[in-house]
PDB file of N, CA and C in Angstrom:
ATOM      1  N   MET A   1      -2.055  -7.449 138.352  1.00  0.00           N
ATOM      2  CA  MET A   1      -3.364  -7.328 138.959  1.00  0.00           C
ATOM      3  C   MET A   1      -3.437  -5.980 139.685  1.00  0.00           C
ATOM      4  N   ASN A   2      -4.517  -5.272 139.458  1.00  0.00           N
ATOM      5  CA  ASN A   2      -4.694  -4.022 140.183  1.00  0.00           C
ATOM      6  C   ASN A   2      -5.446  -4.283 141.480  1.00  0.00           C
ATOM      7  N   ALA A   3      -5.674  -3.259 142.256  1.00  0.00           N
ATOM      8  CA  ALA A   3      -6.306  -3.416 143.563  1.00  0.00           C
ATOM      9  C   ALA A   3      -7.806  -3.647 143.482  1.00  0.00           C
ATOM     10  N   PHE A   4      -8.407  -3.491 142.291  1.00  0.00           N
ATOM     11  CA  PHE A   4      -9.857  -3.618 142.180  1.00  0.00           C
ATOM     12  C   PHE A   4     -10.355  -5.013 142.573  1.00  0.00           C
ATOM     13  N   ALA A   5      -9.755  -6.063 142.015  1.00  0.00           N
ATOM     14  CA  ALA A   5     -10.264  -7.422 142.230  1.00  0.00           C
ATOM     15  C   ALA A   5     -10.259  -7.829 143.700  1.00  0.00           C
ATOM     16  N   PRO A   6      -9.152  -7.684 144.429  1.00  0.00           N
ATOM     17  CA  PRO A   6      -9.184  -8.070 145.843  1.00  0.00           C
ATOM     18  C   PRO A   6     -10.176  -7.249 146.665  1.00  0.00           C
ATOM     19  N   ASP A   7     -10.256  -5.959 146.389  1.00  0.00           N
ATOM     20  CA  ASP A   7     -11.193  -5.104 147.116  1.00  0.00           C
ATOM     21  C   ASP A   7     -12.635  -5.512 146.812  1.00  0.00           C
ATOM     22  N   PHE A   8     -12.932  -5.733 145.538  1.00  0.00           N
ATOM     23  CA  PHE A   8     -14.280  -6.144 145.152  1.00  0.00           C
ATOM     24  C   PHE A   8     -14.634  -7.489 145.787  1.00  0.00           C
ATOM     25  N   ASP A   9     -13.722  -8.475 145.706  1.00  0.00           N
ATOM     26  CA  ASP A   9     -13.998  -9.802 146.260  1.00  0.00           C
ATOM     27  C   ASP A   9     -14.230  -9.737 147.768  1.00  0.00           C
ATOM     28  N   ALA A  10     -13.448  -8.928 148.479  1.00  0.00           N
ATOM     29  CA  ALA A  10     -13.627  -8.791 149.932  1.00  0.00           C
ATOM     30  C   ALA A  10     -14.980  -8.165 150.263  1.00  0.00           C
ATOM     31  N   ARG A  11     -15.351  -7.121 149.526  1.00  0.00           N
ATOM     32  CA  ARG A  11     -16.655  -6.484 149.766  1.00  0.00           C
ATOM     33  C   ARG A  11     -17.808  -7.416 149.394  1.00  0.00           C
ATOM     34  N   ALA A  12     -17.663  -8.130 148.298  1.00  0.00           N
ATOM     35  CA  ALA A  12     -18.707  -9.071 147.893  1.00  0.00           C
ATOM     36  C   ALA A  12     -18.857 -10.174 148.933  1.00  0.00           C
ATOM     37  N   HIS A  13     -17.735 -10.687 149.441  1.00  0.00           N
ATOM     38  CA  HIS A  13     -17.809 -11.733 150.456  1.00  0.00           C
ATOM     39  C   HIS A  13     -18.546 -11.231 151.691  1.00  0.00           C
ATOM     40  N   ALA A  14     -18.232 -10.035 152.146  1.00  0.00           N
ATOM     41  CA  ALA A  14     -18.896  -9.489 153.335  1.00  0.00           C
ATOM     42  C   ALA A  14     -20.402  -9.374 153.114  1.00  0.00           C
ATOM     43  N   ALA A  15     -20.800  -8.889 151.944  1.00  0.00           N
ATOM     44  CA  ALA A  15     -22.231  -8.751 151.648  1.00  0.00           C
ATOM     45  C   ALA A  15     -22.905 -10.113 151.550  1.00  0.00           C
ATOM     46  N   PHE A  16     -22.265 -11.054 150.857  1.00  0.00           N
ATOM     47  CA  PHE A  16     -22.852 -12.384 150.718  1.00  0.00           C
ATOM     48  C   PHE A  16     -22.869 -13.130 152.048  1.00  0.00           C
ATOM     49  N   ALA A  17     -21.839 -12.957 152.873  1.00  0.00           N
ATOM     50  CA  ALA A  17     -21.826 -13.612 154.188  1.00  0.00           C
ATOM     51  C   ALA A  17     -22.965 -13.091 155.057  1.00  0.00           C
ATOM     52  N   ALA A  18     -23.223 -11.797 154.994  1.00  0.00           N
ATOM     53  CA  ALA A  18     -24.327 -11.216 155.764  1.00  0.00           C
ATOM     54  C   ALA A  18     -25.670 -11.785 155.316  1.00  0.00           C
ATOM     55  N   ALA A  19     -25.759 -12.188 154.055  1.00  0.00           N
ATOM     56  CA  ALA A  19     -26.995 -12.761 153.515  1.00  0.00           C
ATOM     57  C   ALA A  19     -27.010 -14.290 153.601  1.00  0.00           C
ATOM     58  N   GLY A  20     -25.970 -14.879 154.198  1.00  0.00           N
ATOM     59  CA  GLY A  20     -25.902 -16.331 154.327  1.00  0.00           C
ATOM     60  C   GLY A  20     -25.464 -17.052 153.068  1.00  0.00           C
ATOM     61  N   MET A  21     -24.797 -16.334 152.166  1.00  0.00           N
ATOM     62  CA  MET A  21     -24.406 -16.921 150.884  1.00  0.00           C
ATOM     63  C   MET A  21     -22.894 -17.064 150.712  1.00  0.00           C
ATOM     64  N   ALA A  22     -22.133 -16.825 151.761  1.00  0.00           N
ATOM     65  CA  ALA A  22     -20.682 -16.999 151.736  1.00  0.00           C
ATOM     66  C   ALA A  22     -20.270 -17.547 153.099  1.00  0.00           C
ATOM     67  N   GLU A  23     -19.086 -18.107 153.158  1.00  0.00           N
ATOM     68  CA  GLU A  23     -18.648 -18.818 154.360  1.00  0.00           C
ATOM     69  C   GLU A  23     -17.311 -18.304 154.868  1.00  0.00           C
ATOM     70  N   ASP A  24     -17.127 -18.431 156.176  1.00  0.00           N
ATOM     71  CA  ASP A  24     -15.828 -18.273 156.820  1.00  0.00           C
ATOM     72  C   ASP A  24     -15.455 -19.657 157.325  1.00  0.00           C
ATOM     73  N   GLY A  25     -14.298 -20.144 156.905  1.00  0.00           N
ATOM     74  CA  GLY A  25     -13.922 -21.505 157.272  1.00  0.00           C
ATOM     75  C   GLY A  25     -12.521 -21.581 157.820  1.00  0.00           C
ATOM     76  N   ASP A  26     -12.161 -22.773 158.253  1.00  0.00           N
ATOM     77  CA  ASP A  26     -10.815 -23.052 158.750  1.00  0.00           C
ATOM     78  C   ASP A  26     -10.113 -23.958 157.758  1.00  0.00           C
ATOM     79  N   TYR A  27      -8.896 -23.577 157.401  1.00  0.00           N
ATOM     80  CA  TYR A  27      -8.097 -24.331 156.439  1.00  0.00           C
ATOM     81  C   TYR A  27      -7.013 -25.109 157.166  1.00  0.00           C
ATOM     82  N   ALA A  28      -6.861 -26.381 156.785  1.00  0.00           N
ATOM     83  CA  ALA A  28      -5.759 -27.215 157.276  1.00  0.00           C
ATOM     84  C   ALA A  28      -5.010 -27.734 156.054  1.00  0.00           C
ATOM     85  N   PRO A  29      -3.701 -27.510 155.983  1.00  0.00           N
ATOM     86  CA  PRO A  29      -2.937 -27.987 154.823  1.00  0.00           C
ATOM     87  C   PRO A  29      -2.808 -29.507 154.852  1.00  0.00           C
ATOM     88  N   PRO A  30      -2.483 -30.112 153.706  1.00  0.00           N
ATOM     89  CA  PRO A  30      -2.261 -31.565 153.700  1.00  0.00           C
ATOM     90  C   PRO A  30      -0.990 -31.896 154.476  1.00  0.00           C
ATOM     91  N   ALA A  31      -0.861 -33.145 154.867  1.00  0.00           N
ATOM     92  CA  ALA A  31       0.356 -33.580 155.556  1.00  0.00           C
ATOM     93  C   ALA A  31       1.563 -33.237 154.695  1.00  0.00           C
ATOM     94  N   GLY A  32       2.528 -32.563 155.268  1.00  0.00           N
ATOM     95  CA  GLY A  32       3.725 -32.162 154.541  1.00  0.00           C
ATOM     96  C   GLY A  32       3.519 -30.959 153.648  1.00  0.00           C
ATOM     97  N   GLY A  33       2.358 -30.320 153.748  1.00  0.00           N
ATOM     98  CA  GLY A  33       2.054 -29.155 152.914  1.00  0.00           C
ATOM     99  C   GLY A  33       2.875 -27.939 153.304  1.00  0.00           C
ATOM    100  N   SER A  34       2.875 -26.968 152.413  1.00  0.00           N
ATOM    101  CA  SER A  34       3.707 -25.780 152.646  1.00  0.00           C
ATOM    102  C   SER A  34       2.893 -24.526 152.965  1.00  0.00           C
ATOM    103  N   THR A  35       1.560 -24.612 152.927  1.00  0.00           N
ATOM    104  CA  THR A  35       0.742 -23.437 153.203  1.00  0.00           C
ATOM    105  C   THR A  35       0.313 -23.433 154.664  1.00  0.00           C
ATOM    106  N   PRO A  36       0.254 -22.264 155.283  1.00  0.00           N
ATOM    107  CA  PRO A  36      -0.136 -22.217 156.692  1.00  0.00           C
ATOM    108  C   PRO A  36      -1.636 -22.434 156.882  1.00  0.00           C
ATOM    109  N   ALA A  37      -1.970 -23.041 158.015  1.00  0.00           N
ATOM    110  CA  ALA A  37      -3.372 -23.225 158.396  1.00  0.00           C
ATOM    111  C   ALA A  37      -3.941 -21.881 158.828  1.00  0.00           C
ATOM    112  N   GLY A  38      -5.273 -21.812 158.891  1.00  0.00           N
ATOM    113  CA  GLY A  38      -5.904 -20.598 159.392  1.00  0.00           C
ATOM    114  C   GLY A  38      -7.250 -20.334 158.748  1.00  0.00           C
ATOM    115  N   ALA A  39      -7.819 -19.211 159.095  1.00  0.00           N
ATOM    116  CA  ALA A  39      -9.137 -18.825 158.598  1.00  0.00           C
ATOM    117  C   ALA A  39      -9.059 -18.445 157.124  1.00  0.00           C
ATOM    118  N   ARG A  40     -10.108 -18.807 156.379  1.00  0.00           N
ATOM    119  CA  ARG A  40     -10.229 -18.441 154.974  1.00  0.00           C
ATOM    120  C   ARG A  40     -11.659 -18.005 154.701  1.00  0.00           C
ATOM    121  N   ARG A  41     -11.810 -16.938 153.913  1.00  0.00           N
ATOM    122  CA  ARG A  41     -13.132 -16.513 153.443  1.00  0.00           C
ATOM    123  C   ARG A  41     -13.381 -17.207 152.110  1.00  0.00           C
ATOM    124  N   CYS A  42     -14.572 -17.787 151.966  1.00  0.00           N
ATOM    125  CA  CYS A  42     -14.858 -18.619 150.806  1.00  0.00           C
ATOM    126  C   CYS A  42     -16.280 -18.429 150.298  1.00  0.00           C
ATOM    127  N   PHE A  43     -16.439 -18.779 149.037  1.00  0.00           N
ATOM    128  CA  PHE A  43     -17.749 -18.916 148.405  1.00  0.00           C
ATOM    129  C   PHE A  43     -17.913 -20.394 148.077  1.00  0.00           C
ATOM    130  N   VAL A  44     -19.013 -21.013 148.498  1.00  0.00           N
ATOM    131  CA  VAL A  44     -19.250 -22.427 148.234  1.00  0.00           C
ATOM    132  C   VAL A  44     -20.387 -22.540 147.216  1.00  0.00           C
ATOM    133  N   ASN A  45     -20.106 -23.217 146.108  1.00  0.00           N
ATOM    134  CA  ASN A  45     -21.122 -23.460 145.090  1.00  0.00           C
ATOM    135  C   ASN A  45     -21.305 -24.971 144.980  1.00  0.00           C
ATOM    136  N   PRO A  46     -22.372 -25.509 145.605  1.00  0.00           N
ATOM    137  CA  PRO A  46     -22.559 -26.962 145.599  1.00  0.00           C
ATOM    138  C   PRO A  46     -23.164 -27.510 144.310  1.00  0.00           C
ATOM    139  N   ARG A  47     -23.469 -26.643 143.367  1.00  0.00           N
ATOM    140  CA  ARG A  47     -24.156 -27.102 142.160  1.00  0.00           C
ATOM    141  C   ARG A  47     -23.538 -26.567 140.867  1.00  0.00           C
ATOM    142  N   ARG A  48     -22.229 -26.451 140.811  1.00  0.00           N
ATOM    143  CA  ARG A  48     -21.582 -26.023 139.559  1.00  0.00           C
ATOM    144  C   ARG A  48     -21.818 -27.100 138.518  1.00  0.00           C
ATOM    145  N   GLN A  49     -22.206 -26.693 137.347  1.00  0.00           N
ATOM    146  CA  GLN A  49     -22.478 -27.650 136.280  1.00  0.00           C
ATOM    147  C   GLN A  49     -21.334 -27.656 135.272  1.00  0.00           C
ATOM    148  N   THR A  50     -20.901 -28.850 134.911  1.00  0.00           N
ATOM    149  CA  THR A  50     -19.918 -29.026 133.860  1.00  0.00           C
ATOM    150  C   THR A  50     -20.687 -29.335 132.585  1.00  0.00           C
ATOM    151  N   LEU A  51     -20.472 -28.512 131.567  1.00  0.00           N
ATOM    152  CA  LEU A  51     -21.210 -28.677 130.323  1.00  0.00           C
ATOM    153  C   LEU A  51     -20.385 -29.392 129.269  1.00  0.00           C
ATOM    154  N   GLY A  52     -21.070 -30.200 128.462  1.00  0.00           N
ATOM    155  CA  GLY A  52     -20.429 -30.913 127.367  1.00  0.00           C
ATOM    156  C   GLY A  52     -20.305 -30.049 126.130  1.00  0.00           C
ATOM    157  N   GLU A  53     -19.768 -30.623 125.089  1.00  0.00           N
ATOM    158  CA  GLU A  53     -19.515 -29.914 123.839  1.00  0.00           C
ATOM    159  C   GLU A  53     -20.785 -29.313 123.233  1.00  0.00           C
ATOM    160  N   LEU A  54     -21.907 -29.980 123.409  1.00  0.00           N
ATOM    161  CA  LEU A  54     -23.169 -29.504 122.839  1.00  0.00           C
ATOM    162  C   LEU A  54     -24.019 -28.741 123.855  1.00  0.00           C
ATOM    163  N   GLY A  55     -23.432 -28.391 124.985  1.00  0.00           N
ATOM    164  CA  GLY A  55     -24.136 -27.606 125.989  1.00  0.00           C
ATOM    165  C   GLY A  55     -24.958 -28.426 126.962  1.00  0.00           C
ATOM    166  N   HIS A  56     -24.856 -29.739 126.901  1.00  0.00           N
ATOM    167  CA  HIS A  56     -25.596 -30.583 127.836  1.00  0.00           C
ATOM    168  C   HIS A  56     -24.803 -30.734 129.140  1.00  0.00           C
ATOM    169  N   VAL A  57     -25.519 -30.968 130.242  1.00  0.00           N
ATOM    170  CA  VAL A  57     -24.874 -31.099 131.546  1.00  0.00           C
ATOM    171  C   VAL A  57     -24.221 -32.471 131.648  1.00  0.00           C
ATOM    172  N   LEU A  58     -22.907 -32.482 131.861  1.00  0.00           N
ATOM    173  CA  LEU A  58     -22.173 -33.728 132.045  1.00  0.00           C
ATOM    174  C   LEU A  58     -22.177 -34.150 133.505  1.00  0.00           C
ATOM    175  N   ALA A  59     -22.000 -33.181 134.390  1.00  0.00           N
ATOM    176  CA  ALA A  59     -21.902 -33.502 135.815  1.00  0.00           C
ATOM    177  C   ALA A  59     -22.131 -32.252 136.644  1.00  0.00           C
ATOM    178  N   ARG A  60     -22.573 -32.482 137.847  1.00  0.00           N
ATOM    179  CA  ARG A  60     -22.639 -31.410 138.843  1.00  0.00           C
ATOM    180  C   ARG A  60     -21.550 -31.695 139.858  1.00  0.00           C
ATOM    181  N   ARG A  61     -20.961 -30.637 140.359  1.00  0.00           N
ATOM    182  CA  ARG A  61     -19.912 -30.811 141.362  1.00  0.00           C
ATOM    183  C   ARG A  61     -19.901 -29.607 142.275  1.00  0.00           C
ATOM    184  N   THR A  62     -19.227 -29.767 143.404  1.00  0.00           N
ATOM    185  CA  THR A  62     -19.090 -28.668 144.356  1.00  0.00           C
ATOM    186  C   THR A  62     -17.748 -27.997 144.122  1.00  0.00           C
ATOM    187  N   VAL A  63     -17.776 -26.670 144.030  1.00  0.00           N
ATOM    188  CA  VAL A  63     -16.546 -25.887 143.924  1.00  0.00           C
ATOM    189  C   VAL A  63     -16.542 -24.840 145.032  1.00  0.00           C
ATOM    190  N   ILE A  64     -15.354 -24.477 145.455  1.00  0.00           N
ATOM    191  CA  ILE A  64     -15.189 -23.465 146.499  1.00  0.00           C
ATOM    192  C   ILE A  64     -14.225 -22.404 145.990  1.00  0.00           C
ATOM    193  N   GLY A  65     -14.653 -21.143 146.087  1.00  0.00           N
ATOM    194  CA  GLY A  65     -13.797 -20.009 145.761  1.00  0.00           C
ATOM    195  C   GLY A  65     -13.151 -19.500 147.042  1.00  0.00           C
ATOM    196  N   VAL A  66     -11.831 -19.423 147.049  1.00  0.00           N
ATOM    197  CA  VAL A  66     -11.076 -19.015 148.235  1.00  0.00           C
ATOM    198  C   VAL A  66     -10.445 -17.654 147.978  1.00  0.00           C
ATOM    199  N   LEU A  67     -10.713 -16.680 148.870  1.00  0.00           N
ATOM    200  CA  LEU A  67     -10.084 -15.363 148.756  1.00  0.00           C
ATOM    201  C   LEU A  67      -8.616 -15.489 149.145  1.00  0.00           C
ATOM    202  N   LEU A  68      -7.720 -15.147 148.228  1.00  0.00           N
ATOM    203  CA  LEU A  68      -6.287 -15.321 148.456  1.00  0.00           C
ATOM    204  C   LEU A  68      -5.707 -14.296 149.419  1.00  0.00           C
ATOM    205  N   ALA A  69      -6.451 -13.244 149.728  1.00  0.00           N
ATOM    206  CA  ALA A  69      -5.967 -12.260 150.698  1.00  0.00           C
ATOM    207  C   ALA A  69      -5.753 -12.895 152.072  1.00  0.00           C
ATOM    208  N   ASP A  70      -6.459 -13.994 152.343  1.00  0.00           N
ATOM    209  CA  ASP A  70      -6.322 -14.690 153.622  1.00  0.00           C
ATOM    210  C   ASP A  70      -5.192 -15.706 153.616  1.00  0.00           C
ATOM    211  N   GLY A  71      -4.629 -15.978 152.460  1.00  0.00           N
ATOM    212  CA  GLY A  71      -3.555 -16.955 152.332  1.00  0.00           C
ATOM    213  C   GLY A  71      -3.901 -17.986 151.282  1.00  0.00           C
ATOM    214  N   ALA A  72      -2.882 -18.558 150.717  1.00  0.00           N
ATOM    215  CA  ALA A  72      -3.060 -19.576 149.676  1.00  0.00           C
ATOM    216  C   ALA A  72      -3.548 -20.887 150.291  1.00  0.00           C
ATOM    217  N   VAL A  73      -4.037 -21.755 149.431  1.00  0.00           N
ATOM    218  CA  VAL A  73      -4.394 -23.119 149.812  1.00  0.00           C
ATOM    219  C   VAL A  73      -3.725 -24.039 148.798  1.00  0.00           C
ATOM    220  N   GLU A  74      -3.735 -25.333 149.073  1.00  0.00           N
ATOM    221  CA  GLU A  74      -3.113 -26.247 148.127  1.00  0.00           C
ATOM    222  C   GLU A  74      -3.877 -27.560 148.039  1.00  0.00           C
ATOM    223  N   GLN A  75      -3.633 -28.270 146.954  1.00  0.00           N
ATOM    224  CA  GLN A  75      -4.291 -29.536 146.695  1.00  0.00           C
ATOM    225  C   GLN A  75      -4.096 -30.473 147.878  1.00  0.00           C
ATOM    226  N   GLY A  76      -5.187 -31.122 148.289  1.00  0.00           N
ATOM    227  CA  GLY A  76      -5.133 -32.041 149.422  1.00  0.00           C
ATOM    228  C   GLY A  76      -5.440 -31.390 150.753  1.00  0.00           C
ATOM    229  N   GLY A  77      -5.466 -30.052 150.783  1.00  0.00           N
ATOM    230  CA  GLY A  77      -5.831 -29.351 152.007  1.00  0.00           C
ATOM    231  C   GLY A  77      -7.312 -29.501 152.289  1.00  0.00           C
ATOM    232  N   THR A  78      -7.725 -29.133 153.495  1.00  0.00           N
ATOM    233  CA  THR A  78      -9.120 -29.280 153.907  1.00  0.00           C
ATOM    234  C   THR A  78      -9.667 -27.950 154.383  1.00  0.00           C
ATOM    235  N   LEU A  79     -10.884 -27.646 153.951  1.00  0.00           N
ATOM    236  CA  LEU A  79     -11.621 -26.485 154.441  1.00  0.00           C
ATOM    237  C   LEU A  79     -12.809 -26.988 155.239  1.00  0.00           C
ATOM    238  N   VAL A  80     -12.999 -26.426 156.442  1.00  0.00           N
ATOM    239  CA  VAL A  80     -14.093 -26.843 157.312  1.00  0.00           C
ATOM    240  C   VAL A  80     -14.979 -25.645 157.585  1.00  0.00           C
ATOM    241  N   PHE A  81     -16.288 -25.837 157.332  1.00  0.00           N
ATOM    242  CA  PHE A  81     -17.317 -24.835 157.604  1.00  0.00           C
ATOM    243  C   PHE A  81     -18.317 -25.494 158.533  1.00  0.00           C
ATOM    244  N   ASP A  82     -18.419 -25.025 159.772  1.00  0.00           N
ATOM    245  CA  ASP A  82     -19.285 -25.658 160.766  1.00  0.00           C
ATOM    246  C   ASP A  82     -18.936 -27.150 160.816  1.00  0.00           C
ATOM    247  N   ALA A  83     -19.862 -28.028 160.486  1.00  0.00           N
ATOM    248  CA  ALA A  83     -19.602 -29.467 160.560  1.00  0.00           C
ATOM    249  C   ALA A  83     -19.259 -30.063 159.195  1.00  0.00           C
ATOM    250  N   ARG A  84     -19.159 -29.237 158.159  1.00  0.00           N
ATOM    251  CA  ARG A  84     -18.875 -29.732 156.811  1.00  0.00           C
ATOM    252  C   ARG A  84     -17.396 -29.578 156.494  1.00  0.00           C
ATOM    253  N   ALA A  85     -16.790 -30.654 156.020  1.00  0.00           N
ATOM    254  CA  ALA A  85     -15.377 -30.626 155.646  1.00  0.00           C
ATOM    255  C   ALA A  85     -15.241 -30.959 154.163  1.00  0.00           C
ATOM    256  N   TYR A  86     -14.397 -30.202 153.469  1.00  0.00           N
ATOM    257  CA  TYR A  86     -14.164 -30.392 152.038  1.00  0.00           C
ATOM    258  C   TYR A  86     -12.669 -30.532 151.801  1.00  0.00           C
ATOM    259  N   THR A  87     -12.282 -31.520 150.993  1.00  0.00           N
ATOM    260  CA  THR A  87     -10.887 -31.697 150.604  1.00  0.00           C
ATOM    261  C   THR A  87     -10.701 -31.102 149.216  1.00  0.00           C
ATOM    262  N   LEU A  88      -9.679 -30.276 149.064  1.00  0.00           N
ATOM    263  CA  LEU A  88      -9.389 -29.623 147.788  1.00  0.00           C
ATOM    264  C   LEU A  88      -8.754 -30.637 146.834  1.00  0.00           C
ATOM    265  N   GLN A  89      -9.460 -30.940 145.741  1.00  0.00           N
ATOM    266  CA  GLN A  89      -8.971 -31.933 144.785  1.00  0.00           C
ATOM    267  C   GLN A  89      -8.073 -31.320 143.724  1.00  0.00           C
ATOM    268  N   GLN A  90      -8.581 -30.269 143.053  1.00  0.00           N
ATOM    269  CA  GLN A  90      -7.818 -29.633 141.971  1.00  0.00           C
ATOM    270  C   GLN A  90      -8.404 -28.262 141.697  1.00  0.00           C
ATOM    271  N   ARG A  91      -7.608 -27.406 141.102  1.00  0.00           N
ATOM    272  CA  ARG A  91      -8.130 -26.111 140.668  1.00  0.00           C
ATOM    273  C   ARG A  91      -9.178 -26.345 139.599  1.00  0.00           C
ATOM    274  N   ASP A  92     -10.272 -25.601 139.677  1.00  0.00           N
ATOM    275  CA  ASP A  92     -11.319 -25.699 138.662  1.00  0.00           C
ATOM    276  C   ASP A  92     -10.762 -25.192 137.337  1.00  0.00           C
ATOM    277  N   GLU A  93     -10.987 -25.950 136.273  1.00  0.00           N
ATOM    278  CA  GLU A  93     -10.422 -25.569 134.974  1.00  0.00           C
ATOM    279  C   GLU A  93     -11.015 -24.280 134.422  1.00  0.00           C
ATOM    280  N   THR A  94     -12.133 -23.821 134.972  1.00  0.00           N
ATOM    281  CA  THR A  94     -12.714 -22.554 134.515  1.00  0.00           C
ATOM    282  C   THR A  94     -12.202 -21.361 135.315  1.00  0.00           C
ATOM    283  N   ASP A  95     -11.339 -21.599 136.302  1.00  0.00           N
ATOM    284  CA  ASP A  95     -10.785 -20.517 137.125  1.00  0.00           C
ATOM    285  C   ASP A  95      -9.934 -19.600 136.248  1.00  0.00           C
ATOM    286  N   ASP A  96     -10.238 -18.302 136.269  1.00  0.00           N
ATOM    287  CA  ASP A  96      -9.499 -17.365 135.415  1.00  0.00           C
ATOM    288  C   ASP A  96      -8.182 -16.900 136.028  1.00  0.00           C
ATOM    289  N   GLY A  97      -7.893 -17.293 137.267  1.00  0.00           N
ATOM    290  CA  GLY A  97      -6.609 -16.983 137.878  1.00  0.00           C
ATOM    291  C   GLY A  97      -6.321 -15.503 137.980  1.00  0.00           C
ATOM    292  N   ASP A  98      -7.288 -14.739 138.509  1.00  0.00           N
ATOM    293  CA  ASP A  98      -7.107 -13.290 138.581  1.00  0.00           C
ATOM    294  C   ASP A  98      -6.199 -12.840 139.726  1.00  0.00           C
ATOM    295  N   GLY A  99      -5.714 -13.779 140.546  1.00  0.00           N
ATOM    296  CA  GLY A  99      -4.810 -13.440 141.632  1.00  0.00           C
ATOM    297  C   GLY A  99      -5.514 -13.011 142.903  1.00  0.00           C
ATOM    298  N   SER A 100      -6.831 -12.940 142.875  1.00  0.00           N
ATOM    299  CA  SER A 100      -7.599 -12.533 144.044  1.00  0.00           C
ATOM    300  C   SER A 100      -8.403 -13.688 144.628  1.00  0.00           C
ATOM    301  N   LEU A 101      -8.887 -14.562 143.757  1.00  0.00           N
ATOM    302  CA  LEU A 101      -9.800 -15.632 144.143  1.00  0.00           C
ATOM    303  C   LEU A 101      -9.437 -16.879 143.341  1.00  0.00           C
ATOM    304  N   GLU A 102      -9.342 -18.033 144.025  1.00  0.00           N
ATOM    305  CA  GLU A 102      -9.099 -19.303 143.333  1.00  0.00           C
ATOM    306  C   GLU A 102     -10.308 -20.198 143.539  1.00  0.00           C
ATOM    307  N   TRP A 103     -10.751 -20.853 142.452  1.00  0.00           N
ATOM    308  CA  TRP A 103     -11.854 -21.807 142.531  1.00  0.00           C
ATOM    309  C   TRP A 103     -11.289 -23.221 142.523  1.00  0.00           C
ATOM    310  N   TRP A 104     -11.742 -24.033 143.481  1.00  0.00           N
ATOM    311  CA  TRP A 104     -11.271 -25.404 143.651  1.00  0.00           C
ATOM    312  C   TRP A 104     -12.425 -26.390 143.570  1.00  0.00           C
ATOM    313  N   VAL A 105     -12.209 -27.501 142.881  1.00  0.00           N
ATOM    314  CA  VAL A 105     -13.131 -28.632 142.911  1.00  0.00           C
ATOM    315  C   VAL A 105     -12.834 -29.380 144.206  1.00  0.00           C
ATOM    316  N   VAL A 106     -13.899 -29.729 144.935  1.00  0.00           N
ATOM    317  CA  VAL A 106     -13.713 -30.372 146.238  1.00  0.00           C
ATOM    318  C   VAL A 106     -14.515 -31.661 146.320  1.00  0.00           C
ATOM    319  N   ARG A 107     -14.191 -32.444 147.318  1.00  0.00           N
ATOM    320  CA  ARG A 107     -15.003 -33.634 147.632  1.00  0.00           C
ATOM    321  C   ARG A 107     -15.299 -33.645 149.101  1.00  0.00           C
TER     322      ARG A 107
END
């Protein structure tokens, strides 16, 4: 991974946060987890659509993109934004794993 992706994601987050379209949250690892707690910069998409084989919508779900420059997160951890709390269920299967940003399906 080159330096472009993390730099771009950080700048995009700052611009989107200023416009109210990105979040700064607090991360708490699951009990017995190995990742440290702390602040995380995130993108919250409450309406990601999962498409079927023929392009029809199977389901809508909430996904959260976490900037890895702030630290990793893990399954079962919790992200809190103001009064909203989300538990990380699994990595989104469409996540391209660029090493800068991870997308998680949450509940």
